[in-house]
N, C-alpha and C. Protein backbone atom coordinates (compact mmCIF):
# COMPACT_ATOMS: atom_id res chain seq x y z
N MET A 1 0.81 -1.20 0.00
CA MET A 1 0.00 0.00 0.00
C MET A 1 0.86 1.26 0.00
N LEU A 2 2.13 1.14 0.36
CA LEU A 2 2.97 2.33 0.39
C LEU A 2 3.16 2.91 -1.00
N LEU A 3 3.22 2.05 -2.00
CA LEU A 3 3.41 2.52 -3.38
C LEU A 3 2.10 2.61 -4.14
N ASN A 4 0.98 2.51 -3.41
CA ASN A 4 -0.34 2.59 -4.00
C ASN A 4 -0.57 1.45 -4.99
N GLN A 5 -0.05 0.27 -4.65
CA GLN A 5 -0.22 -0.91 -5.47
C GLN A 5 -0.70 -2.05 -4.60
N ASN A 6 -1.43 -2.98 -5.18
CA ASN A 6 -1.95 -4.12 -4.45
C ASN A 6 -1.17 -5.40 -4.77
N GLU A 7 0.12 -5.31 -4.91
CA GLU A 7 0.94 -6.49 -5.19
C GLU A 7 2.14 -6.50 -4.28
N TRP A 8 2.67 -7.68 -4.06
CA TRP A 8 3.83 -7.84 -3.18
C TRP A 8 5.09 -7.53 -3.96
N LEU A 9 5.99 -6.80 -3.32
CA LEU A 9 7.31 -6.54 -3.90
C LEU A 9 8.33 -7.32 -3.10
N LEU A 10 8.86 -8.36 -3.71
CA LEU A 10 9.79 -9.25 -3.03
C LEU A 10 11.15 -9.18 -3.71
N PRO A 11 12.21 -9.49 -2.96
CA PRO A 11 13.53 -9.50 -3.60
C PRO A 11 13.63 -10.63 -4.61
N LEU A 12 14.53 -10.47 -5.56
CA LEU A 12 14.72 -11.50 -6.57
C LEU A 12 15.29 -12.76 -5.94
N ALA A 13 14.81 -13.90 -6.38
CA ALA A 13 15.28 -15.17 -5.84
C ALA A 13 16.48 -15.65 -6.65
N GLN A 14 17.59 -14.98 -6.46
CA GLN A 14 18.83 -15.37 -7.14
C GLN A 14 19.99 -15.09 -6.20
N PRO A 15 21.10 -15.80 -6.39
CA PRO A 15 22.23 -15.58 -5.47
C PRO A 15 22.86 -14.20 -5.67
N LEU A 16 23.46 -13.72 -4.59
CA LEU A 16 24.15 -12.44 -4.67
C LEU A 16 25.40 -12.60 -5.52
N GLU A 17 25.72 -11.56 -6.27
CA GLU A 17 26.87 -11.61 -7.16
C GLU A 17 27.95 -10.67 -6.66
N LYS A 18 29.18 -11.02 -6.98
CA LYS A 18 30.25 -10.09 -6.65
C LYS A 18 30.50 -9.22 -7.89
N ILE A 19 30.84 -7.99 -7.63
CA ILE A 19 31.06 -7.02 -8.70
C ILE A 19 32.36 -7.35 -9.41
N ASN A 20 32.28 -7.41 -10.73
CA ASN A 20 33.51 -7.62 -11.50
C ASN A 20 34.32 -6.34 -11.49
N ILE A 21 35.60 -6.49 -11.29
CA ILE A 21 36.46 -5.32 -11.18
C ILE A 21 37.78 -5.58 -11.87
N GLU A 22 38.32 -4.55 -12.49
CA GLU A 22 39.62 -4.64 -13.15
C GLU A 22 40.57 -3.69 -12.44
N LEU A 23 41.60 -4.23 -11.84
CA LEU A 23 42.59 -3.41 -11.15
C LEU A 23 43.62 -2.96 -12.19
N SER A 24 43.27 -1.92 -12.90
CA SER A 24 44.15 -1.42 -13.95
C SER A 24 44.61 -0.01 -13.60
N GLU A 25 45.34 0.57 -14.51
CA GLU A 25 45.78 1.95 -14.31
C GLU A 25 44.57 2.87 -14.30
N ASN A 26 44.75 4.05 -13.78
CA ASN A 26 43.68 5.03 -13.70
C ASN A 26 43.12 5.30 -15.08
N SER A 27 41.79 5.23 -15.22
CA SER A 27 41.17 5.30 -16.54
C SER A 27 40.96 6.72 -17.04
N GLY A 28 41.18 7.71 -16.24
CA GLY A 28 40.98 9.07 -16.71
C GLY A 28 40.95 10.05 -15.56
N LEU A 29 40.70 11.29 -15.91
CA LEU A 29 40.68 12.36 -14.93
C LEU A 29 39.39 12.30 -14.13
N HIS A 30 39.52 12.29 -12.83
CA HIS A 30 38.36 12.25 -11.95
C HIS A 30 37.60 13.57 -12.07
N PRO A 31 36.26 13.55 -11.99
CA PRO A 31 35.49 14.79 -12.12
C PRO A 31 35.87 15.86 -11.09
N LEU A 32 36.22 15.45 -9.85
CA LEU A 32 36.64 16.44 -8.85
C LEU A 32 37.91 17.16 -9.30
N LEU A 33 38.84 16.41 -9.90
CA LEU A 33 40.08 17.02 -10.38
C LEU A 33 39.82 17.89 -11.60
N ALA A 34 38.87 17.50 -12.44
CA ALA A 34 38.53 18.32 -13.61
C ALA A 34 37.96 19.66 -13.17
N VAL A 35 37.11 19.63 -12.14
CA VAL A 35 36.54 20.89 -11.62
C VAL A 35 37.65 21.76 -11.03
N GLN A 36 38.57 21.13 -10.30
CA GLN A 36 39.65 21.91 -9.68
C GLN A 36 40.59 22.48 -10.75
N GLU A 37 40.85 21.72 -11.82
CA GLU A 37 41.66 22.26 -12.92
C GLU A 37 40.97 23.46 -13.55
N GLN A 38 39.66 23.38 -13.66
CA GLN A 38 38.90 24.52 -14.20
C GLN A 38 39.03 25.72 -13.26
N ASN A 39 39.04 25.50 -11.95
CA ASN A 39 39.23 26.60 -11.01
C ASN A 39 40.61 27.23 -11.16
N VAL A 40 41.62 26.40 -11.43
CA VAL A 40 42.97 26.93 -11.67
C VAL A 40 42.98 27.81 -12.92
N ASN A 41 42.32 27.35 -13.98
CA ASN A 41 42.26 28.14 -15.21
C ASN A 41 41.51 29.45 -15.01
N ILE A 42 40.45 29.41 -14.21
CA ILE A 42 39.70 30.65 -13.92
C ILE A 42 40.58 31.62 -13.14
N ALA A 43 41.34 31.11 -12.17
CA ALA A 43 42.23 31.98 -11.39
C ALA A 43 43.32 32.57 -12.27
N ALA A 44 43.83 31.79 -13.25
CA ALA A 44 44.84 32.32 -14.17
C ALA A 44 44.24 33.41 -15.05
N SER A 45 43.00 33.22 -15.47
CA SER A 45 42.34 34.26 -16.28
C SER A 45 42.08 35.51 -15.46
N ASN A 46 41.81 35.33 -14.17
CA ASN A 46 41.58 36.48 -13.30
C ASN A 46 42.84 37.34 -13.17
N ILE A 47 44.01 36.70 -13.23
CA ILE A 47 45.27 37.47 -13.20
C ILE A 47 45.34 38.40 -14.41
N ASN A 48 45.01 37.87 -15.59
CA ASN A 48 45.04 38.69 -16.81
C ASN A 48 44.02 39.82 -16.74
N ILE A 49 42.85 39.53 -16.17
CA ILE A 49 41.83 40.58 -16.03
C ILE A 49 42.33 41.69 -15.12
N GLN A 50 42.95 41.32 -13.99
CA GLN A 50 43.44 42.34 -13.06
C GLN A 50 44.57 43.16 -13.68
N LYS A 51 45.39 42.52 -14.51
CA LYS A 51 46.47 43.27 -15.16
C LYS A 51 45.92 44.26 -16.18
N ASN A 52 44.78 43.94 -16.80
CA ASN A 52 44.20 44.83 -17.81
C ASN A 52 43.41 45.99 -17.20
N THR A 53 43.14 45.95 -15.90
CA THR A 53 42.33 47.02 -15.30
C THR A 53 43.08 48.34 -15.21
N ASN A 54 44.41 48.36 -15.26
CA ASN A 54 45.18 49.59 -15.10
C ASN A 54 45.65 50.15 -16.45
N LYS A 55 45.12 49.63 -17.54
CA LYS A 55 45.52 50.14 -18.86
C LYS A 55 44.57 51.26 -19.27
N PRO A 56 45.02 52.14 -20.14
CA PRO A 56 44.13 53.21 -20.62
C PRO A 56 42.93 52.62 -21.36
N GLU A 57 41.83 53.36 -21.28
CA GLU A 57 40.61 52.90 -21.92
C GLU A 57 40.13 53.96 -22.90
N PHE A 58 39.83 53.54 -24.12
CA PHE A 58 39.33 54.44 -25.16
C PHE A 58 37.94 53.97 -25.56
N SER A 59 37.05 54.94 -25.75
CA SER A 59 35.70 54.59 -26.19
C SER A 59 35.16 55.73 -27.05
N GLY A 60 34.19 55.40 -27.86
CA GLY A 60 33.55 56.39 -28.72
C GLY A 60 32.10 56.04 -28.93
N ARG A 61 31.31 57.06 -29.31
CA ARG A 61 29.91 56.80 -29.58
C ARG A 61 29.41 57.77 -30.64
N ILE A 62 28.41 57.34 -31.33
CA ILE A 62 27.73 58.18 -32.33
C ILE A 62 26.27 58.25 -31.91
N PHE A 63 25.70 59.44 -32.02
CA PHE A 63 24.30 59.59 -31.61
C PHE A 63 23.54 60.44 -32.61
N SER A 64 22.24 60.23 -32.61
CA SER A 64 21.33 61.03 -33.43
C SER A 64 20.09 61.26 -32.59
N GLN A 65 19.72 62.57 -32.44
CA GLN A 65 18.62 62.90 -31.56
C GLN A 65 17.79 64.01 -32.18
N ARG A 66 16.49 63.86 -32.15
CA ARG A 66 15.60 64.89 -32.66
C ARG A 66 15.17 65.76 -31.48
N LEU A 67 15.47 67.00 -31.58
CA LEU A 67 15.10 67.94 -30.53
C LEU A 67 13.69 68.46 -30.77
N TRP A 68 13.07 68.88 -29.72
CA TRP A 68 11.68 69.33 -29.81
C TRP A 68 11.61 70.61 -30.65
N GLY A 69 10.80 70.57 -31.64
CA GLY A 69 10.60 71.72 -32.51
C GLY A 69 11.56 71.78 -33.68
N ALA A 70 12.59 70.97 -33.73
CA ALA A 70 13.55 71.01 -34.84
C ALA A 70 13.13 69.98 -35.89
N LYS A 71 13.31 70.38 -37.18
CA LYS A 71 12.91 69.49 -38.26
C LYS A 71 13.96 68.43 -38.51
N ASN A 72 15.22 68.76 -38.47
CA ASN A 72 16.29 67.80 -38.73
C ASN A 72 16.86 67.29 -37.40
N PRO A 73 17.22 65.98 -37.35
CA PRO A 73 17.79 65.46 -36.11
C PRO A 73 19.18 66.02 -35.87
N TYR A 74 19.54 66.08 -34.63
CA TYR A 74 20.86 66.54 -34.23
C TYR A 74 21.75 65.31 -34.13
N THR A 75 22.80 65.25 -34.93
CA THR A 75 23.69 64.10 -35.00
C THR A 75 25.07 64.53 -34.56
N GLY A 76 25.77 63.59 -33.87
CA GLY A 76 27.11 63.91 -33.43
C GLY A 76 27.85 62.67 -32.97
N PHE A 77 29.05 62.87 -32.47
CA PHE A 77 29.84 61.76 -31.95
C PHE A 77 30.68 62.30 -30.80
N SER A 78 31.16 61.36 -30.01
CA SER A 78 32.04 61.74 -28.91
C SER A 78 33.10 60.66 -28.76
N VAL A 79 34.28 61.08 -28.34
CA VAL A 79 35.39 60.18 -28.11
C VAL A 79 35.86 60.43 -26.68
N MET A 80 36.17 59.33 -25.99
CA MET A 80 36.58 59.48 -24.61
C MET A 80 37.83 58.63 -24.37
N ALA A 81 38.75 59.17 -23.63
CA ALA A 81 39.96 58.43 -23.24
C ALA A 81 40.12 58.60 -21.74
N SER A 82 40.36 57.49 -21.04
CA SER A 82 40.58 57.57 -19.60
C SER A 82 41.91 56.92 -19.29
N PHE A 83 42.70 57.64 -18.50
CA PHE A 83 44.02 57.17 -18.10
C PHE A 83 44.05 57.04 -16.58
N PRO A 84 44.36 55.87 -16.07
CA PRO A 84 44.43 55.74 -14.62
C PRO A 84 45.64 56.48 -14.08
N VAL A 85 45.39 57.39 -13.21
CA VAL A 85 46.48 58.19 -12.63
C VAL A 85 46.71 57.77 -11.18
N PHE A 86 45.64 57.60 -10.46
CA PHE A 86 45.73 57.24 -9.05
C PHE A 86 45.42 55.76 -8.86
N GLY A 87 45.83 55.19 -7.78
CA GLY A 87 45.48 53.81 -7.44
C GLY A 87 46.43 52.77 -7.99
N THR A 88 47.68 53.15 -8.28
CA THR A 88 48.61 52.14 -8.78
C THR A 88 48.94 51.11 -7.69
N GLY A 89 48.96 51.53 -6.44
CA GLY A 89 49.20 50.60 -5.32
C GLY A 89 48.06 49.59 -5.21
N ALA A 90 46.83 50.08 -5.34
CA ALA A 90 45.68 49.18 -5.29
C ALA A 90 45.70 48.21 -6.47
N TYR A 91 46.14 48.71 -7.63
CA TYR A 91 46.24 47.86 -8.82
C TYR A 91 47.24 46.73 -8.56
N ARG A 92 48.41 47.07 -8.03
CA ARG A 92 49.42 46.04 -7.76
C ARG A 92 48.92 45.02 -6.73
N ASN A 93 48.20 45.52 -5.72
CA ASN A 93 47.66 44.60 -4.71
C ASN A 93 46.61 43.65 -5.28
N LYS A 94 45.79 44.15 -6.21
CA LYS A 94 44.80 43.28 -6.85
C LYS A 94 45.48 42.19 -7.66
N VAL A 95 46.57 42.53 -8.34
CA VAL A 95 47.31 41.54 -9.12
C VAL A 95 47.94 40.51 -8.17
N LYS A 96 48.50 40.98 -7.04
CA LYS A 96 49.10 40.05 -6.07
C LYS A 96 48.05 39.10 -5.50
N VAL A 97 46.86 39.63 -5.22
CA VAL A 97 45.78 38.79 -4.70
C VAL A 97 45.38 37.74 -5.73
N ALA A 98 45.30 38.13 -7.00
CA ALA A 98 44.93 37.18 -8.05
C ALA A 98 45.98 36.09 -8.21
N VAL A 99 47.27 36.47 -8.10
CA VAL A 99 48.35 35.48 -8.18
C VAL A 99 48.28 34.52 -6.98
N ALA A 100 48.00 35.06 -5.81
CA ALA A 100 47.89 34.22 -4.61
C ALA A 100 46.70 33.26 -4.72
N GLU A 101 45.58 33.72 -5.28
CA GLU A 101 44.43 32.85 -5.47
C GLU A 101 44.76 31.71 -6.43
N LYS A 102 45.53 32.01 -7.48
CA LYS A 102 45.91 30.96 -8.42
C LYS A 102 46.81 29.93 -7.73
N GLU A 103 47.74 30.39 -6.90
CA GLU A 103 48.62 29.46 -6.18
C GLU A 103 47.81 28.57 -5.23
N ILE A 104 46.81 29.15 -4.57
CA ILE A 104 45.96 28.37 -3.67
C ILE A 104 45.21 27.30 -4.45
N GLU A 105 44.66 27.67 -5.60
CA GLU A 105 43.92 26.69 -6.42
C GLU A 105 44.85 25.58 -6.92
N GLU A 106 46.10 25.93 -7.27
CA GLU A 106 47.05 24.92 -7.73
C GLU A 106 47.42 23.96 -6.59
N LYS A 107 47.60 24.50 -5.38
CA LYS A 107 47.92 23.65 -4.24
C LYS A 107 46.73 22.77 -3.88
N THR A 108 45.53 23.30 -4.01
CA THR A 108 44.34 22.50 -3.76
C THR A 108 44.25 21.36 -4.77
N LEU A 109 44.55 21.65 -6.03
CA LEU A 109 44.55 20.61 -7.06
C LEU A 109 45.57 19.52 -6.73
N SER A 110 46.76 19.94 -6.32
CA SER A 110 47.80 18.98 -5.97
C SER A 110 47.37 18.13 -4.78
N TYR A 111 46.77 18.75 -3.77
CA TYR A 111 46.31 18.03 -2.58
C TYR A 111 45.22 17.03 -2.94
N GLN A 112 44.24 17.46 -3.76
CA GLN A 112 43.15 16.56 -4.13
C GLN A 112 43.66 15.40 -4.98
N THR A 113 44.63 15.66 -5.86
CA THR A 113 45.21 14.58 -6.67
C THR A 113 45.88 13.56 -5.77
N GLN A 114 46.67 14.04 -4.83
CA GLN A 114 47.36 13.14 -3.90
C GLN A 114 46.36 12.37 -3.03
N GLN A 115 45.33 13.05 -2.57
CA GLN A 115 44.33 12.42 -1.71
C GLN A 115 43.58 11.32 -2.47
N LEU A 116 43.17 11.60 -3.71
CA LEU A 116 42.47 10.58 -4.49
C LEU A 116 43.38 9.39 -4.79
N GLN A 117 44.65 9.66 -5.06
CA GLN A 117 45.59 8.57 -5.33
C GLN A 117 45.77 7.69 -4.08
N THR A 118 45.86 8.33 -2.92
CA THR A 118 46.00 7.57 -1.66
C THR A 118 44.75 6.74 -1.39
N GLN A 119 43.59 7.33 -1.59
CA GLN A 119 42.35 6.61 -1.36
C GLN A 119 42.20 5.46 -2.36
N ARG A 120 42.64 5.67 -3.57
CA ARG A 120 42.58 4.60 -4.58
C ARG A 120 43.49 3.44 -4.18
N THR A 121 44.69 3.77 -3.68
CA THR A 121 45.62 2.72 -3.25
C THR A 121 45.07 1.94 -2.07
N SER A 122 44.46 2.63 -1.11
CA SER A 122 43.88 1.92 0.03
C SER A 122 42.67 1.09 -0.40
N ALA A 123 41.92 1.56 -1.40
CA ALA A 123 40.78 0.78 -1.91
C ALA A 123 41.28 -0.50 -2.58
N ILE A 124 42.41 -0.43 -3.29
CA ILE A 124 42.99 -1.62 -3.91
C ILE A 124 43.41 -2.62 -2.83
N ALA A 125 44.04 -2.13 -1.76
CA ALA A 125 44.45 -3.03 -0.66
C ALA A 125 43.22 -3.67 -0.02
N GLU A 126 42.16 -2.92 0.16
CA GLU A 126 40.93 -3.46 0.75
C GLU A 126 40.31 -4.52 -0.17
N ILE A 127 40.34 -4.26 -1.48
CA ILE A 127 39.80 -5.24 -2.44
C ILE A 127 40.60 -6.53 -2.37
N GLU A 128 41.91 -6.42 -2.34
CA GLU A 128 42.75 -7.63 -2.32
C GLU A 128 42.52 -8.43 -1.04
N LYS A 129 42.36 -7.73 0.10
CA LYS A 129 42.10 -8.43 1.37
C LYS A 129 40.76 -9.15 1.30
N ASN A 130 39.72 -8.44 0.85
CA ASN A 130 38.39 -9.05 0.79
C ASN A 130 38.33 -10.16 -0.26
N LEU A 131 39.10 -10.02 -1.33
CA LEU A 131 39.10 -11.05 -2.37
C LEU A 131 39.72 -12.34 -1.86
N SER A 132 40.78 -12.24 -1.05
CA SER A 132 41.38 -13.46 -0.49
C SER A 132 40.41 -14.14 0.48
N LEU A 133 39.70 -13.36 1.30
CA LEU A 133 38.69 -13.95 2.18
C LEU A 133 37.56 -14.58 1.39
N LEU A 134 37.14 -13.89 0.34
CA LEU A 134 36.06 -14.39 -0.50
C LEU A 134 36.46 -15.69 -1.18
N ASN A 135 37.69 -15.77 -1.65
CA ASN A 135 38.17 -17.00 -2.27
C ASN A 135 38.18 -18.16 -1.27
N PHE A 136 38.55 -17.87 -0.01
CA PHE A 136 38.52 -18.92 1.01
C PHE A 136 37.10 -19.46 1.18
N TYR A 137 36.13 -18.56 1.31
CA TYR A 137 34.75 -19.01 1.53
C TYR A 137 34.21 -19.74 0.30
N GLU A 138 34.57 -19.26 -0.90
CA GLU A 138 34.05 -19.89 -2.11
C GLU A 138 34.68 -21.25 -2.36
N THR A 139 35.94 -21.43 -1.98
CA THR A 139 36.60 -22.71 -2.23
C THR A 139 36.39 -23.71 -1.09
N MET A 140 36.44 -23.24 0.16
CA MET A 140 36.38 -24.17 1.29
C MET A 140 35.22 -23.91 2.25
N GLY A 141 34.99 -22.66 2.60
CA GLY A 141 34.04 -22.32 3.66
C GLY A 141 32.63 -22.77 3.38
N LEU A 142 32.11 -22.46 2.19
CA LEU A 142 30.74 -22.85 1.88
C LEU A 142 30.60 -24.37 1.77
N ARG A 143 31.64 -25.03 1.27
CA ARG A 143 31.61 -26.49 1.18
C ARG A 143 31.60 -27.10 2.59
N GLN A 144 32.40 -26.51 3.49
CA GLN A 144 32.40 -26.99 4.88
C GLN A 144 31.03 -26.81 5.52
N SER A 145 30.39 -25.67 5.23
CA SER A 145 29.06 -25.41 5.76
C SER A 145 28.07 -26.47 5.29
N GLU A 146 28.15 -26.79 4.01
CA GLU A 146 27.26 -27.82 3.46
C GLU A 146 27.54 -29.18 4.09
N GLU A 147 28.82 -29.50 4.30
CA GLU A 147 29.18 -30.78 4.90
C GLU A 147 28.71 -30.86 6.36
N ILE A 148 28.79 -29.74 7.08
CA ILE A 148 28.31 -29.71 8.47
C ILE A 148 26.81 -29.99 8.50
N ILE A 149 26.07 -29.36 7.60
CA ILE A 149 24.61 -29.57 7.57
C ILE A 149 24.29 -31.02 7.23
N ASN A 150 24.97 -31.55 6.20
CA ASN A 150 24.69 -32.95 5.80
C ASN A 150 25.05 -33.93 6.92
N ALA A 151 26.23 -33.74 7.54
CA ALA A 151 26.67 -34.66 8.59
C ALA A 151 25.75 -34.56 9.81
N ALA A 152 25.36 -33.34 10.19
CA ALA A 152 24.48 -33.16 11.34
C ALA A 152 23.11 -33.76 11.07
N SER A 153 22.59 -33.57 9.86
CA SER A 153 21.28 -34.14 9.52
C SER A 153 21.32 -35.66 9.56
N LEU A 154 22.38 -36.23 8.99
CA LEU A 154 22.52 -37.69 8.99
C LEU A 154 22.65 -38.21 10.42
N SER A 155 23.47 -37.54 11.24
CA SER A 155 23.65 -37.97 12.63
C SER A 155 22.36 -37.86 13.42
N TYR A 156 21.58 -36.86 13.17
CA TYR A 156 20.30 -36.69 13.88
C TYR A 156 19.31 -37.78 13.47
N ARG A 157 19.28 -38.09 12.16
CA ARG A 157 18.37 -39.11 11.68
C ARG A 157 18.73 -40.51 12.23
N THR A 158 20.02 -40.73 12.41
CA THR A 158 20.43 -42.04 12.95
C THR A 158 20.39 -42.07 14.47
N GLY A 159 20.16 -40.92 15.10
CA GLY A 159 20.02 -40.88 16.55
C GLY A 159 21.31 -40.68 17.30
N GLU A 160 22.39 -40.31 16.63
CA GLU A 160 23.67 -40.12 17.30
C GLU A 160 23.74 -38.80 18.07
N ILE A 161 22.99 -37.78 17.61
CA ILE A 161 23.00 -36.48 18.29
C ILE A 161 21.57 -36.08 18.60
N SER A 162 21.44 -35.19 19.57
CA SER A 162 20.11 -34.71 19.96
C SER A 162 19.71 -33.51 19.10
N PHE A 163 18.45 -33.10 19.33
CA PHE A 163 17.94 -31.95 18.57
C PHE A 163 18.71 -30.68 18.92
N ALA A 164 19.11 -30.53 20.17
CA ALA A 164 19.87 -29.35 20.60
C ALA A 164 21.23 -29.31 19.91
N GLU A 165 21.88 -30.47 19.80
CA GLU A 165 23.17 -30.52 19.11
C GLU A 165 23.00 -30.24 17.62
N LEU A 166 21.89 -30.73 17.05
CA LEU A 166 21.59 -30.43 15.65
C LEU A 166 21.46 -28.93 15.44
N GLY A 167 20.78 -28.26 16.36
CA GLY A 167 20.64 -26.80 16.28
C GLY A 167 21.98 -26.09 16.36
N GLN A 168 22.88 -26.60 17.21
CA GLN A 168 24.22 -26.00 17.33
C GLN A 168 25.00 -26.16 16.03
N PHE A 169 24.92 -27.33 15.42
CA PHE A 169 25.63 -27.53 14.14
C PHE A 169 25.04 -26.64 13.04
N PHE A 170 23.70 -26.52 13.03
CA PHE A 170 23.07 -25.65 12.04
C PHE A 170 23.47 -24.19 12.26
N ASN A 171 23.54 -23.77 13.52
CA ASN A 171 23.98 -22.41 13.81
C ASN A 171 25.41 -22.17 13.32
N GLN A 172 26.26 -23.17 13.50
CA GLN A 172 27.64 -23.04 13.03
C GLN A 172 27.67 -22.92 11.50
N ALA A 173 26.91 -23.75 10.80
CA ALA A 173 26.88 -23.72 9.34
C ALA A 173 26.29 -22.40 8.83
N ILE A 174 25.22 -21.95 9.49
CA ILE A 174 24.61 -20.67 9.09
C ILE A 174 25.56 -19.52 9.37
N GLY A 175 26.32 -19.59 10.46
CA GLY A 175 27.32 -18.56 10.77
C GLY A 175 28.38 -18.47 9.68
N ILE A 176 28.81 -19.62 9.15
CA ILE A 176 29.79 -19.61 8.06
C ILE A 176 29.20 -18.92 6.83
N ARG A 177 27.96 -19.25 6.51
CA ARG A 177 27.31 -18.63 5.35
C ARG A 177 27.10 -17.13 5.57
N GLN A 178 26.76 -16.76 6.80
CA GLN A 178 26.57 -15.34 7.09
C GLN A 178 27.90 -14.59 6.98
N ASN A 179 28.98 -15.19 7.46
CA ASN A 179 30.30 -14.57 7.30
C ASN A 179 30.66 -14.40 5.83
N TYR A 180 30.30 -15.40 5.02
CA TYR A 180 30.55 -15.29 3.57
C TYR A 180 29.80 -14.10 2.98
N LEU A 181 28.52 -13.95 3.38
CA LEU A 181 27.74 -12.82 2.86
C LEU A 181 28.29 -11.48 3.34
N ASP A 182 28.77 -11.44 4.57
CA ASP A 182 29.40 -10.21 5.08
C ASP A 182 30.65 -9.86 4.27
N VAL A 183 31.48 -10.87 4.00
CA VAL A 183 32.70 -10.62 3.22
C VAL A 183 32.34 -10.21 1.79
N LEU A 184 31.30 -10.85 1.22
CA LEU A 184 30.86 -10.48 -0.13
C LEU A 184 30.39 -9.03 -0.15
N ASN A 185 29.65 -8.62 0.88
CA ASN A 185 29.21 -7.24 0.96
C ASN A 185 30.39 -6.29 1.08
N GLN A 186 31.37 -6.63 1.92
CA GLN A 186 32.55 -5.77 2.07
C GLN A 186 33.33 -5.68 0.77
N PHE A 187 33.44 -6.80 0.05
CA PHE A 187 34.13 -6.79 -1.24
C PHE A 187 33.40 -5.88 -2.23
N ASN A 188 32.07 -6.01 -2.31
CA ASN A 188 31.31 -5.18 -3.24
C ASN A 188 31.40 -3.71 -2.88
N GLN A 189 31.38 -3.39 -1.57
CA GLN A 189 31.50 -1.99 -1.16
C GLN A 189 32.87 -1.44 -1.53
N SER A 190 33.93 -2.23 -1.31
CA SER A 190 35.27 -1.76 -1.68
C SER A 190 35.42 -1.65 -3.19
N ALA A 191 34.75 -2.52 -3.95
CA ALA A 191 34.79 -2.42 -5.41
C ALA A 191 34.08 -1.16 -5.89
N ILE A 192 32.97 -0.82 -5.24
CA ILE A 192 32.25 0.41 -5.60
C ILE A 192 33.13 1.62 -5.30
N GLN A 193 33.79 1.62 -4.14
CA GLN A 193 34.69 2.73 -3.80
C GLN A 193 35.83 2.84 -4.81
N PHE A 194 36.41 1.70 -5.19
CA PHE A 194 37.50 1.72 -6.18
C PHE A 194 37.01 2.28 -7.51
N ASN A 195 35.84 1.85 -7.94
CA ASN A 195 35.29 2.37 -9.20
C ASN A 195 35.06 3.87 -9.13
N TYR A 196 34.69 4.37 -7.95
CA TYR A 196 34.53 5.82 -7.79
C TYR A 196 35.87 6.52 -7.93
N TYR A 197 36.90 6.02 -7.25
CA TYR A 197 38.21 6.65 -7.33
C TYR A 197 38.84 6.47 -8.71
N ASP A 198 38.46 5.39 -9.41
CA ASP A 198 39.02 5.11 -10.73
C ASP A 198 38.19 5.74 -11.84
N ASN A 199 37.13 6.48 -11.48
CA ASN A 199 36.30 7.22 -12.43
C ASN A 199 35.61 6.26 -13.41
N LYS A 200 34.96 5.25 -12.85
CA LYS A 200 34.19 4.31 -13.69
C LYS A 200 32.73 4.35 -13.30
């Protein structure tokens, strides 16, 4: 009823899969680094803008205006030149600030690059650790769990163990399977993190 439907929504009845992953070289520029590179380029452009603010400025205009009561319009033009005389200290300070902003953006880019590389390396180590655990469970652990269930069931049917002991063996087998699912989840989470750092 939450989705305004009269049908059951159940999970798919299929086994959980592990994410396929390729531990290769970095596939491209991460979007965070692309944004930061763009910030560096903007800061470099701001330096050029600040340097151009102290240059002379020339402008001109042409106009045509009809005055009240006159038959012919009044037409003319004007030329203007402005030379900055005062504020050379402020001009130099604005340029220094723009250069400092560019240096900050470059250092931020360097820091983010190093940070992403470090996080990518730790994600690879986490993947390798989880993959070795996953291989153990897939090759031996799940088979042991199945053997425990089969042996306990057979022993219970023949009367060698009690119902309480059967429950203990089942708990042990289910614990192995639960540990496998936990490791599979950790592997998939580390694979997702690696794909994020690897820009996939």
